[in-house]
mmCIF file of all heavy atoms, coordinates in Angstrom:
data_MODEL
# 
_entry.id   MODEL 
# 
loop_
_atom_site.group_PDB 
_atom_site.id 
_atom_site.type_symbol 
_atom_site.label_atom_id 
_atom_site.label_alt_id 
_atom_site.label_comp_id 
_atom_site.label_asym_id 
_atom_site.label_entity_id 
_atom_site.label_seq_id 
_atom_site.pdbx_PDB_ins_code 
_atom_site.Cartn_x 
_atom_site.Cartn_y 
_atom_site.Cartn_z 
_atom_site.occupancy 
_atom_site.B_iso_or_equiv 
_atom_site.pdbx_formal_charge 
_atom_site.auth_seq_id 
_atom_site.auth_comp_id 
_atom_site.auth_asym_id 
_atom_site.auth_atom_id 
_atom_site.pdbx_PDB_model_num 
ATOM 1   N N   . PHE A 1 1  ? 86.467  90.302  91.899  1.00 0.00 ? 1  PHE A N   1 
ATOM 2   C CA  . PHE A 1 1  ? 85.799  91.250  92.791  1.00 0.00 ? 1  PHE A CA  1 
ATOM 3   C C   . PHE A 1 1  ? 86.213  92.699  92.502  1.00 0.00 ? 1  PHE A C   1 
ATOM 4   O O   . PHE A 1 1  ? 85.953  93.587  93.299  1.00 0.00 ? 1  PHE A O   1 
ATOM 5   C CB  . PHE A 1 1  ? 86.120  90.901  94.250  1.00 0.00 ? 1  PHE A CB  1 
ATOM 6   C CG  . PHE A 1 1  ? 85.662  89.534  94.637  1.00 0.00 ? 1  PHE A CG  1 
ATOM 7   C CD1 . PHE A 1 1  ? 86.503  88.441  94.506  1.00 0.00 ? 1  PHE A CD1 1 
ATOM 8   C CD2 . PHE A 1 1  ? 84.366  89.329  95.088  1.00 0.00 ? 1  PHE A CD2 1 
ATOM 9   C CE1 . PHE A 1 1  ? 86.081  87.173  94.851  1.00 0.00 ? 1  PHE A CE1 1 
ATOM 10  C CE2 . PHE A 1 1  ? 83.932  88.059  95.424  1.00 0.00 ? 1  PHE A CE2 1 
ATOM 11  C CZ  . PHE A 1 1  ? 84.788  86.979  95.298  1.00 0.00 ? 1  PHE A CZ  1 
ATOM 12  N N   . ILE A 1 2  ? 86.833  92.902  91.354  1.00 0.00 ? 2  ILE A N   1 
ATOM 13  C CA  . ILE A 1 2  ? 87.210  94.249  90.928  1.00 0.00 ? 2  ILE A CA  1 
ATOM 14  C C   . ILE A 1 2  ? 86.210  94.742  89.890  1.00 0.00 ? 2  ILE A C   1 
ATOM 15  O O   . ILE A 1 2  ? 86.022  94.117  88.844  1.00 0.00 ? 2  ILE A O   1 
ATOM 16  C CB  . ILE A 1 2  ? 88.641  94.265  90.357  1.00 0.00 ? 2  ILE A CB  1 
ATOM 17  C CG1 . ILE A 1 2  ? 89.640  93.949  91.476  1.00 0.00 ? 2  ILE A CG1 1 
ATOM 18  C CG2 . ILE A 1 2  ? 88.958  95.613  89.724  1.00 0.00 ? 2  ILE A CG2 1 
ATOM 19  C CD1 . ILE A 1 2  ? 91.079  93.899  91.033  1.00 0.00 ? 2  ILE A CD1 1 
ATOM 20  N N   . ASN A 1 3  ? 85.556  95.831  90.206  1.00 0.00 ? 3  ASN A N   1 
ATOM 21  C CA  . ASN A 1 3  ? 84.551  96.409  89.313  1.00 0.00 ? 3  ASN A CA  1 
ATOM 22  C C   . ASN A 1 3  ? 85.246  97.085  88.131  1.00 0.00 ? 3  ASN A C   1 
ATOM 23  O O   . ASN A 1 3  ? 86.069  97.982  88.311  1.00 0.00 ? 3  ASN A O   1 
ATOM 24  C CB  . ASN A 1 3  ? 83.708  97.430  90.084  1.00 0.00 ? 3  ASN A CB  1 
ATOM 25  C CG  . ASN A 1 3  ? 82.474  97.858  89.313  1.00 0.00 ? 3  ASN A CG  1 
ATOM 26  O OD1 . ASN A 1 3  ? 82.508  97.984  88.101  1.00 0.00 ? 3  ASN A OD1 1 
ATOM 27  N ND2 . ASN A 1 3  ? 81.374  98.080  90.022  1.00 0.00 ? 3  ASN A ND2 1 
ATOM 28  N N   . SER A 1 4  ? 84.908  96.639  86.929  1.00 0.00 ? 4  SER A N   1 
ATOM 29  C CA  . SER A 1 4  ? 85.557  97.168  85.728  1.00 0.00 ? 4  SER A CA  1 
ATOM 30  C C   . SER A 1 4  ? 85.207  98.627  85.464  1.00 0.00 ? 4  SER A C   1 
ATOM 31  O O   . SER A 1 4  ? 85.891  99.296  84.689  1.00 0.00 ? 4  SER A O   1 
ATOM 32  C CB  . SER A 1 4  ? 85.187  96.321  84.512  1.00 0.00 ? 4  SER A CB  1 
ATOM 33  O OG  . SER A 1 4  ? 83.772  96.323  84.322  1.00 0.00 ? 4  SER A OG  1 
ATOM 34  N N   . ASN A 1 5  ? 84.151  99.133  86.102  1.00 0.00 ? 5  ASN A N   1 
ATOM 35  C CA  . ASN A 1 5  ? 83.752  100.525 85.909  1.00 0.00 ? 5  ASN A CA  1 
ATOM 36  C C   . ASN A 1 5  ? 84.472  101.486 86.854  1.00 0.00 ? 5  ASN A C   1 
ATOM 37  O O   . ASN A 1 5  ? 84.254  102.698 86.787  1.00 0.00 ? 5  ASN A O   1 
ATOM 38  C CB  . ASN A 1 5  ? 82.239  100.673 86.108  1.00 0.00 ? 5  ASN A CB  1 
ATOM 39  C CG  . ASN A 1 5  ? 81.443  99.895  85.075  1.00 0.00 ? 5  ASN A CG  1 
ATOM 40  O OD1 . ASN A 1 5  ? 81.813  99.860  83.906  1.00 0.00 ? 5  ASN A OD1 1 
ATOM 41  N ND2 . ASN A 1 5  ? 80.363  99.256  85.515  1.00 0.00 ? 5  ASN A ND2 1 
ATOM 42  N N   . GLU A 1 6  ? 85.307  100.937 87.737  1.00 0.00 ? 6  GLU A N   1 
ATOM 43  C CA  . GLU A 1 6  ? 86.052  101.737 88.703  1.00 0.00 ? 6  GLU A CA  1 
ATOM 44  C C   . GLU A 1 6  ? 87.542  101.529 88.493  1.00 0.00 ? 6  GLU A C   1 
ATOM 45  O O   . GLU A 1 6  ? 87.958  100.523 87.908  1.00 0.00 ? 6  GLU A O   1 
ATOM 46  C CB  . GLU A 1 6  ? 85.660  101.353 90.139  1.00 0.00 ? 6  GLU A CB  1 
ATOM 47  C CG  . GLU A 1 6  ? 84.184  101.437 90.444  1.00 0.00 ? 6  GLU A CG  1 
ATOM 48  C CD  . GLU A 1 6  ? 83.676  102.860 90.484  1.00 0.00 ? 6  GLU A CD  1 
ATOM 49  O OE1 . GLU A 1 6  ? 84.498  103.773 90.696  1.00 0.00 ? 6  GLU A OE1 1 
ATOM 50  O OE2 . GLU A 1 6  ? 82.459  103.073 90.310  1.00 0.00 ? 6  GLU A OE2 1 
ATOM 51  N N   . PRO A 1 7  ? 88.382  102.455 88.954  1.00 0.00 ? 7  PRO A N   1 
ATOM 52  C CA  . PRO A 1 7  ? 89.832  102.272 88.842  1.00 0.00 ? 7  PRO A CA  1 
ATOM 53  C C   . PRO A 1 7  ? 90.264  100.972 89.514  1.00 0.00 ? 7  PRO A C   1 
ATOM 54  O O   . PRO A 1 7  ? 89.903  100.699 90.661  1.00 0.00 ? 7  PRO A O   1 
ATOM 55  C CB  . PRO A 1 7  ? 90.401  103.499 89.575  1.00 0.00 ? 7  PRO A CB  1 
ATOM 56  C CG  . PRO A 1 7  ? 89.314  104.522 89.476  1.00 0.00 ? 7  PRO A CG  1 
ATOM 57  C CD  . PRO A 1 7  ? 88.028  103.765 89.538  1.00 0.00 ? 7  PRO A CD  1 
ATOM 58  N N   . ALA A 1 8  ? 91.028  100.173 88.791  1.00 0.00 ? 8  ALA A N   1 
ATOM 59  C CA  . ALA A 1 8  ? 91.396  98.847  89.291  1.00 0.00 ? 8  ALA A CA  1 
ATOM 60  C C   . ALA A 1 8  ? 92.432  98.910  90.410  1.00 0.00 ? 8  ALA A C   1 
ATOM 61  O O   . ALA A 1 8  ? 92.375  98.111  91.353  1.00 0.00 ? 8  ALA A O   1 
ATOM 62  C CB  . ALA A 1 8  ? 91.922  97.984  88.148  1.00 0.00 ? 8  ALA A CB  1 
ATOM 63  N N   . GLY A 1 9  ? 93.384  99.836  90.312  1.00 0.00 ? 9  GLY A N   1 
ATOM 64  C CA  . GLY A 1 9  ? 94.472  99.907  91.280  1.00 0.00 ? 9  GLY A CA  1 
ATOM 65  C C   . GLY A 1 9  ? 94.024  100.021 92.725  1.00 0.00 ? 9  GLY A C   1 
ATOM 66  O O   . GLY A 1 9  ? 94.357  99.168  93.557  1.00 0.00 ? 9  GLY A O   1 
ATOM 67  N N   . PRO A 1 10 ? 93.252  101.052 93.060  1.00 0.00 ? 10 PRO A N   1 
ATOM 68  C CA  . PRO A 1 10 ? 92.794  101.203 94.450  1.00 0.00 ? 10 PRO A CA  1 
ATOM 69  C C   . PRO A 1 10 ? 91.997  100.001 94.940  1.00 0.00 ? 10 PRO A C   1 
ATOM 70  O O   . PRO A 1 10 ? 92.107  99.611  96.109  1.00 0.00 ? 10 PRO A O   1 
ATOM 71  C CB  . PRO A 1 10 ? 91.920  102.460 94.398  1.00 0.00 ? 10 PRO A CB  1 
ATOM 72  C CG  . PRO A 1 10 ? 92.437  103.235 93.230  1.00 0.00 ? 10 PRO A CG  1 
ATOM 73  C CD  . PRO A 1 10 ? 92.844  102.200 92.225  1.00 0.00 ? 10 PRO A CD  1 
ATOM 74  N N   . GLN A 1 11 ? 91.188  99.414  94.042  1.00 0.00 ? 11 GLN A N   1 
ATOM 75  C CA  . GLN A 1 11 ? 90.402  98.247  94.440  1.00 0.00 ? 11 GLN A CA  1 
ATOM 76  C C   . GLN A 1 11 ? 91.309  97.065  94.776  1.00 0.00 ? 11 GLN A C   1 
ATOM 77  O O   . GLN A 1 11 ? 91.103  96.362  95.765  1.00 0.00 ? 11 GLN A O   1 
ATOM 78  C CB  . GLN A 1 11 ? 89.441  97.848  93.312  1.00 0.00 ? 11 GLN A CB  1 
ATOM 79  C CG  . GLN A 1 11 ? 88.333  98.840  93.047  1.00 0.00 ? 11 GLN A CG  1 
ATOM 80  C CD  . GLN A 1 11 ? 87.388  98.336  91.966  1.00 0.00 ? 11 GLN A CD  1 
ATOM 81  O OE1 . GLN A 1 11 ? 86.543  97.476  92.194  1.00 0.00 ? 11 GLN A OE1 1 
ATOM 82  N NE2 . GLN A 1 11 ? 87.526  98.883  90.771  1.00 0.00 ? 11 GLN A NE2 1 
ATOM 83  N N   . TYR A 1 12 ? 92.338  96.854  93.938  1.00 0.00 ? 12 TYR A N   1 
ATOM 84  C CA  . TYR A 1 12 ? 93.245  95.736  94.182  1.00 0.00 ? 12 TYR A CA  1 
ATOM 85  C C   . TYR A 1 12 ? 93.955  95.889  95.523  1.00 0.00 ? 12 TYR A C   1 
ATOM 86  O O   . TYR A 1 12 ? 94.038  94.936  96.308  1.00 0.00 ? 12 TYR A O   1 
ATOM 87  C CB  . TYR A 1 12 ? 94.282  95.608  93.066  1.00 0.00 ? 12 TYR A CB  1 
ATOM 88  C CG  . TYR A 1 12 ? 95.330  94.560  93.392  1.00 0.00 ? 12 TYR A CG  1 
ATOM 89  C CD1 . TYR A 1 12 ? 95.066  93.213  93.173  1.00 0.00 ? 12 TYR A CD1 1 
ATOM 90  C CD2 . TYR A 1 12 ? 96.544  94.916  93.978  1.00 0.00 ? 12 TYR A CD2 1 
ATOM 91  C CE1 . TYR A 1 12 ? 95.997  92.245  93.513  1.00 0.00 ? 12 TYR A CE1 1 
ATOM 92  C CE2 . TYR A 1 12 ? 97.476  93.956  94.318  1.00 0.00 ? 12 TYR A CE2 1 
ATOM 93  C CZ  . TYR A 1 12 ? 97.205  92.620  94.077  1.00 0.00 ? 12 TYR A CZ  1 
ATOM 94  O OH  . TYR A 1 12 ? 98.130  91.670  94.436  1.00 0.00 ? 12 TYR A OH  1 
ATOM 95  N N   . TRP A 1 13 ? 94.475  97.101  95.791  1.00 0.00 ? 13 TRP A N   1 
ATOM 96  C CA  . TRP A 1 13 ? 95.229  97.292  97.035  1.00 0.00 ? 13 TRP A CA  1 
ATOM 97  C C   . TRP A 1 13 ? 94.326  97.187  98.257  1.00 0.00 ? 13 TRP A C   1 
ATOM 98  O O   . TRP A 1 13 ? 94.767  96.722  99.317  1.00 0.00 ? 13 TRP A O   1 
ATOM 99  C CB  . TRP A 1 13 ? 95.957  98.640  97.007  1.00 0.00 ? 13 TRP A CB  1 
ATOM 100 C CG  . TRP A 1 13 ? 97.044  98.674  95.981  1.00 0.00 ? 13 TRP A CG  1 
ATOM 101 C CD1 . TRP A 1 13 ? 97.110  99.487  94.881  1.00 0.00 ? 13 TRP A CD1 1 
ATOM 102 C CD2 . TRP A 1 13 ? 98.217  97.864  95.936  1.00 0.00 ? 13 TRP A CD2 1 
ATOM 103 N NE1 . TRP A 1 13 ? 98.232  99.226  94.148  1.00 0.00 ? 13 TRP A NE1 1 
ATOM 104 C CE2 . TRP A 1 13 ? 98.941  98.233  94.770  1.00 0.00 ? 13 TRP A CE2 1 
ATOM 105 C CE3 . TRP A 1 13 ? 98.724  96.851  96.742  1.00 0.00 ? 13 TRP A CE3 1 
ATOM 106 C CZ2 . TRP A 1 13 ? 100.137 97.622  94.425  1.00 0.00 ? 13 TRP A CZ2 1 
ATOM 107 C CZ3 . TRP A 1 13 ? 99.926  96.243  96.389  1.00 0.00 ? 13 TRP A CZ3 1 
ATOM 108 C CH2 . TRP A 1 13 ? 100.621 96.628  95.253  1.00 0.00 ? 13 TRP A CH2 1 
ATOM 109 N N   . LEU A 1 14 ? 93.061  97.572  98.105  1.00 0.00 ? 14 LEU A N   1 
ATOM 110 C CA  . LEU A 1 14 ? 92.106  97.387  99.207  1.00 0.00 ? 14 LEU A CA  1 
ATOM 111 C C   . LEU A 1 14 ? 91.888  95.895  99.472  1.00 0.00 ? 14 LEU A C   1 
ATOM 112 O O   . LEU A 1 14 ? 91.898  95.450  100.628 1.00 0.00 ? 14 LEU A O   1 
ATOM 113 C CB  . LEU A 1 14 ? 90.767  98.052  98.871  1.00 0.00 ? 14 LEU A CB  1 
ATOM 114 C CG  . LEU A 1 14 ? 89.624  97.795  99.871  1.00 0.00 ? 14 LEU A CG  1 
ATOM 115 C CD1 . LEU A 1 14 ? 89.978  98.361  101.248 1.00 0.00 ? 14 LEU A CD1 1 
ATOM 116 C CD2 . LEU A 1 14 ? 88.322  98.406  99.359  1.00 0.00 ? 14 LEU A CD2 1 
ATOM 117 N N   . LEU A 1 15 ? 91.718  95.126  98.400  1.00 0.00 ? 15 LEU A N   1 
ATOM 118 C CA  . LEU A 1 15 ? 91.526  93.688  98.552  1.00 0.00 ? 15 LEU A CA  1 
ATOM 119 C C   . LEU A 1 15 ? 92.776  93.029  99.134  1.00 0.00 ? 15 LEU A C   1 
ATOM 120 O O   . LEU A 1 15 ? 92.683  92.179  100.023 1.00 0.00 ? 15 LEU A O   1 
ATOM 121 C CB  . LEU A 1 15 ? 91.181  93.054  97.194  1.00 0.00 ? 15 LEU A CB  1 
ATOM 122 C CG  . LEU A 1 15 ? 89.874  93.506  96.535  1.00 0.00 ? 15 LEU A CG  1 
ATOM 123 C CD1 . LEU A 1 15 ? 89.682  92.785  95.205  1.00 0.00 ? 15 LEU A CD1 1 
ATOM 124 C CD2 . LEU A 1 15 ? 88.682  93.263  97.444  1.00 0.00 ? 15 LEU A CD2 1 
ATOM 125 N N   . ALA A 1 16 ? 93.937  93.440  98.641  1.00 0.00 ? 16 ALA A N   1 
ATOM 126 C CA  . ALA A 1 16 ? 95.190  92.862  99.126  1.00 0.00 ? 16 ALA A CA  1 
ATOM 127 C C   . ALA A 1 16 ? 95.401  93.174  100.602 1.00 0.00 ? 16 ALA A C   1 
ATOM 128 O O   . ALA A 1 16 ? 95.796  92.303  101.396 1.00 0.00 ? 16 ALA A O   1 
ATOM 129 C CB  . ALA A 1 16 ? 96.363  93.381  98.300  1.00 0.00 ? 16 ALA A CB  1 
ATOM 130 N N   . GLY A 1 17 ? 95.139  94.426  100.993 1.00 0.00 ? 17 GLY A N   1 
ATOM 131 C CA  . GLY A 1 17 ? 95.286  94.810  102.390 1.00 0.00 ? 17 GLY A CA  1 
ATOM 132 C C   . GLY A 1 17 ? 94.308  94.073  103.284 1.00 0.00 ? 17 GLY A C   1 
ATOM 133 O O   . GLY A 1 17 ? 94.663  93.612  104.379 1.00 0.00 ? 17 GLY A O   1 
ATOM 134 N N   . SER A 1 18 ? 93.070  93.942  102.816 1.00 0.00 ? 18 SER A N   1 
ATOM 135 C CA  . SER A 1 18 ? 92.051  93.232  103.593 1.00 0.00 ? 18 SER A CA  1 
ATOM 136 C C   . SER A 1 18 ? 92.404  91.760  103.737 1.00 0.00 ? 18 SER A C   1 
ATOM 137 O O   . SER A 1 18 ? 92.225  91.164  104.808 1.00 0.00 ? 18 SER A O   1 
ATOM 138 C CB  . SER A 1 18 ? 90.684  93.375  102.919 1.00 0.00 ? 18 SER A CB  1 
ATOM 139 O OG  . SER A 1 18 ? 90.324  94.739  102.802 1.00 0.00 ? 18 SER A OG  1 
ATOM 140 N N   . PHE A 1 19 ? 92.926  91.168  102.658 1.00 0.00 ? 19 PHE A N   1 
ATOM 141 C CA  . PHE A 1 19 ? 93.329  89.761  102.685 1.00 0.00 ? 19 PHE A CA  1 
ATOM 142 C C   . PHE A 1 19 ? 94.443  89.544  103.700 1.00 0.00 ? 19 PHE A C   1 
ATOM 143 O O   . PHE A 1 19 ? 94.448  88.563  104.442 1.00 0.00 ? 19 PHE A O   1 
ATOM 144 C CB  . PHE A 1 19 ? 93.787  89.332  101.289 1.00 0.00 ? 19 PHE A CB  1 
ATOM 145 C CG  . PHE A 1 19 ? 94.028  87.858  101.143 1.00 0.00 ? 19 PHE A CG  1 
ATOM 146 C CD1 . PHE A 1 19 ? 92.980  86.994  100.880 1.00 0.00 ? 19 PHE A CD1 1 
ATOM 147 C CD2 . PHE A 1 19 ? 95.316  87.341  101.264 1.00 0.00 ? 19 PHE A CD2 1 
ATOM 148 C CE1 . PHE A 1 19 ? 93.206  85.628  100.742 1.00 0.00 ? 19 PHE A CE1 1 
ATOM 149 C CE2 . PHE A 1 19 ? 95.550  85.981  101.136 1.00 0.00 ? 19 PHE A CE2 1 
ATOM 150 C CZ  . PHE A 1 19 ? 94.492  85.124  100.868 1.00 0.00 ? 19 PHE A CZ  1 
ATOM 151 N N   . THR A 1 20 ? 95.377  90.488  103.762 1.00 0.00 ? 20 THR A N   1 
ATOM 152 C CA  . THR A 1 20 ? 96.492  90.393  104.702 1.00 0.00 ? 20 THR A CA  1 
ATOM 153 C C   . THR A 1 20 ? 96.010  90.505  106.143 1.00 0.00 ? 20 THR A C   1 
ATOM 154 O O   . THR A 1 20 ? 96.436  89.740  107.024 1.00 0.00 ? 20 THR A O   1 
ATOM 155 C CB  . THR A 1 20 ? 97.527  91.485  104.409 1.00 0.00 ? 20 THR A CB  1 
ATOM 156 O OG1 . THR A 1 20 ? 98.006  91.348  103.061 1.00 0.00 ? 20 THR A OG1 1 
ATOM 157 C CG2 . THR A 1 20 ? 98.710  91.399  105.370 1.00 0.00 ? 20 THR A CG2 1 
ATOM 158 N N   . VAL A 1 21 ? 95.104  91.463  106.407 1.00 0.00 ? 21 VAL A N   1 
ATOM 159 C CA  . VAL A 1 21 ? 94.576  91.637  107.767 1.00 0.00 ? 21 VAL A CA  1 
ATOM 160 C C   . VAL A 1 21 ? 93.782  90.399  108.192 1.00 0.00 ? 21 VAL A C   1 
ATOM 161 O O   . VAL A 1 21 ? 93.909  89.915  109.327 1.00 0.00 ? 21 VAL A O   1 
ATOM 162 C CB  . VAL A 1 21 ? 93.692  92.901  107.843 1.00 0.00 ? 21 VAL A CB  1 
ATOM 163 C CG1 . VAL A 1 21 ? 92.985  92.974  109.198 1.00 0.00 ? 21 VAL A CG1 1 
ATOM 164 C CG2 . VAL A 1 21 ? 94.531  94.154  107.627 1.00 0.00 ? 21 VAL A CG2 1 
ATOM 165 N N   . LEU A 1 22 ? 92.964  89.876  107.269 1.00 0.00 ? 22 LEU A N   1 
ATOM 166 C CA  . LEU A 1 22 ? 92.216  88.653  107.566 1.00 0.00 ? 22 LEU A CA  1 
ATOM 167 C C   . LEU A 1 22 ? 93.168  87.504  107.887 1.00 0.00 ? 22 LEU A C   1 
ATOM 168 O O   . LEU A 1 22 ? 92.942  86.722  108.821 1.00 0.00 ? 22 LEU A O   1 
ATOM 169 C CB  . LEU A 1 22 ? 91.338  88.270  106.372 1.00 0.00 ? 22 LEU A CB  1 
ATOM 170 C CG  . LEU A 1 22 ? 89.898  88.773  106.346 1.00 0.00 ? 22 LEU A CG  1 
ATOM 171 C CD1 . LEU A 1 22 ? 89.228  88.330  105.055 1.00 0.00 ? 22 LEU A CD1 1 
ATOM 172 C CD2 . LEU A 1 22 ? 89.115  88.274  107.547 1.00 0.00 ? 22 LEU A CD2 1 
ATOM 173 N N   . GLY A 1 23 ? 94.229  87.412  107.094 1.00 0.00 ? 23 GLY A N   1 
ATOM 174 C CA  . GLY A 1 23 ? 95.213  86.366  107.329 1.00 0.00 ? 23 GLY A CA  1 
ATOM 175 C C   . GLY A 1 23 ? 95.857  86.493  108.691 1.00 0.00 ? 23 GLY A C   1 
ATOM 176 O O   . GLY A 1 23 ? 96.064  85.497  109.387 1.00 0.00 ? 23 GLY A O   1 
ATOM 177 N N   . MET A 1 24 ? 96.170  87.726  109.082 1.00 0.00 ? 24 MET A N   1 
ATOM 178 C CA  . MET A 1 24 ? 96.789  87.948  110.380 1.00 0.00 ? 24 MET A CA  1 
ATOM 179 C C   . MET A 1 24 ? 95.868  87.483  111.509 1.00 0.00 ? 24 MET A C   1 
ATOM 180 O O   . MET A 1 24 ? 96.303  86.810  112.451 1.00 0.00 ? 24 MET A O   1 
ATOM 181 C CB  . MET A 1 24 ? 97.122  89.427  110.560 1.00 0.00 ? 24 MET A CB  1 
ATOM 182 C CG  . MET A 1 24 ? 97.755  89.771  111.895 1.00 0.00 ? 24 MET A CG  1 
ATOM 183 S SD  . MET A 1 24 ? 98.186  91.519  112.021 1.00 0.00 ? 24 MET A SD  1 
ATOM 184 C CE  . MET A 1 24 ? 96.549  92.273  111.925 1.00 0.00 ? 24 MET A CE  1 
ATOM 185 N N   . VAL A 1 25 ? 94.588  87.820  111.398 1.00 0.00 ? 25 VAL A N   1 
ATOM 186 C CA  . VAL A 1 25 ? 93.621  87.464  112.447 1.00 0.00 ? 25 VAL A CA  1 
ATOM 187 C C   . VAL A 1 25 ? 93.387  85.954  112.494 1.00 0.00 ? 25 VAL A C   1 
ATOM 188 O O   . VAL A 1 25 ? 93.490  85.322  113.561 1.00 0.00 ? 25 VAL A O   1 
ATOM 189 C CB  . VAL A 1 25 ? 92.287  88.204  112.219 1.00 0.00 ? 25 VAL A CB  1 
ATOM 190 C CG1 . VAL A 1 25 ? 91.228  87.709  113.202 1.00 0.00 ? 25 VAL A CG1 1 
ATOM 191 C CG2 . VAL A 1 25 ? 92.483  89.705  112.366 1.00 0.00 ? 25 VAL A CG2 1 
ATOM 192 N N   . LEU A 1 26 ? 93.090  85.353  111.348 1.00 0.00 ? 26 LEU A N   1 
ATOM 193 C CA  . LEU A 1 26 ? 92.735  83.934  111.322 1.00 0.00 ? 26 LEU A CA  1 
ATOM 194 C C   . LEU A 1 26 ? 93.949  83.042  111.572 1.00 0.00 ? 26 LEU A C   1 
ATOM 195 O O   . LEU A 1 26 ? 93.845  82.030  112.276 1.00 0.00 ? 26 LEU A O   1 
ATOM 196 C CB  . LEU A 1 26 ? 92.081  83.594  109.982 1.00 0.00 ? 26 LEU A CB  1 
ATOM 197 C CG  . LEU A 1 26 ? 90.738  84.287  109.724 1.00 0.00 ? 26 LEU A CG  1 
ATOM 198 C CD1 . LEU A 1 26 ? 90.213  83.963  108.331 1.00 0.00 ? 26 LEU A CD1 1 
ATOM 199 C CD2 . LEU A 1 26 ? 89.712  83.874  110.780 1.00 0.00 ? 26 LEU A CD2 1 
ATOM 200 N N   . ASN A 1 27 ? 95.096  83.399  111.001 1.00 0.00 ? 27 ASN A N   1 
ATOM 201 C CA  . ASN A 1 27 ? 96.298  82.601  111.245 1.00 0.00 ? 27 ASN A CA  1 
ATOM 202 C C   . ASN A 1 27 ? 96.748  82.700  112.696 1.00 0.00 ? 27 ASN A C   1 
ATOM 203 O O   . ASN A 1 27 ? 97.234  81.721  113.277 1.00 0.00 ? 27 ASN A O   1 
ATOM 204 C CB  . ASN A 1 27 ? 97.435  83.038  110.317 1.00 0.00 ? 27 ASN A CB  1 
ATOM 205 C CG  . ASN A 1 27 ? 97.202  82.679  108.866 1.00 0.00 ? 27 ASN A CG  1 
ATOM 206 O OD1 . ASN A 1 27 ? 97.736  83.311  107.969 1.00 0.00 ? 27 ASN A OD1 1 
ATOM 207 N ND2 . ASN A 1 27 ? 96.391  81.661  108.623 1.00 0.00 ? 27 ASN A ND2 1 
ATOM 208 N N   . SER A 1 28 ? 96.574  83.883  113.297 1.00 0.00 ? 28 SER A N   1 
ATOM 209 C CA  . SER A 1 28 ? 96.907  84.025  114.722 1.00 0.00 ? 28 SER A CA  1 
ATOM 210 C C   . SER A 1 28 ? 95.980  83.164  115.573 1.00 0.00 ? 28 SER A C   1 
ATOM 211 O O   . SER A 1 28 ? 96.416  82.571  116.573 1.00 0.00 ? 28 SER A O   1 
ATOM 212 C CB  . SER A 1 28 ? 96.796  85.495  115.143 1.00 0.00 ? 28 SER A CB  1 
ATOM 213 O OG  . SER A 1 28 ? 97.746  86.298  114.474 1.00 0.00 ? 28 SER A OG  1 
ATOM 214 N N   . ALA A 1 29 ? 94.719  83.084  115.176 1.00 0.00 ? 29 ALA A N   1 
ATOM 215 C CA  . ALA A 1 29 ? 93.772  82.217  115.890 1.00 0.00 ? 29 ALA A CA  1 
ATOM 216 C C   . ALA A 1 29 ? 94.200  80.757  115.782 1.00 0.00 ? 29 ALA A C   1 
ATOM 217 O O   . ALA A 1 29 ? 94.099  79.992  116.754 1.00 0.00 ? 29 ALA A O   1 
ATOM 218 C CB  . ALA A 1 29 ? 92.367  82.402  115.322 1.00 0.00 ? 29 ALA A CB  1 
# 
């Protein structure tokens, strides 16, 4: 889900942060 035409770093950290927030919500449920 990382677009090769865009900087990879910011995309990765966005995905990682989103994955963590999703985990917090769903695991808490």
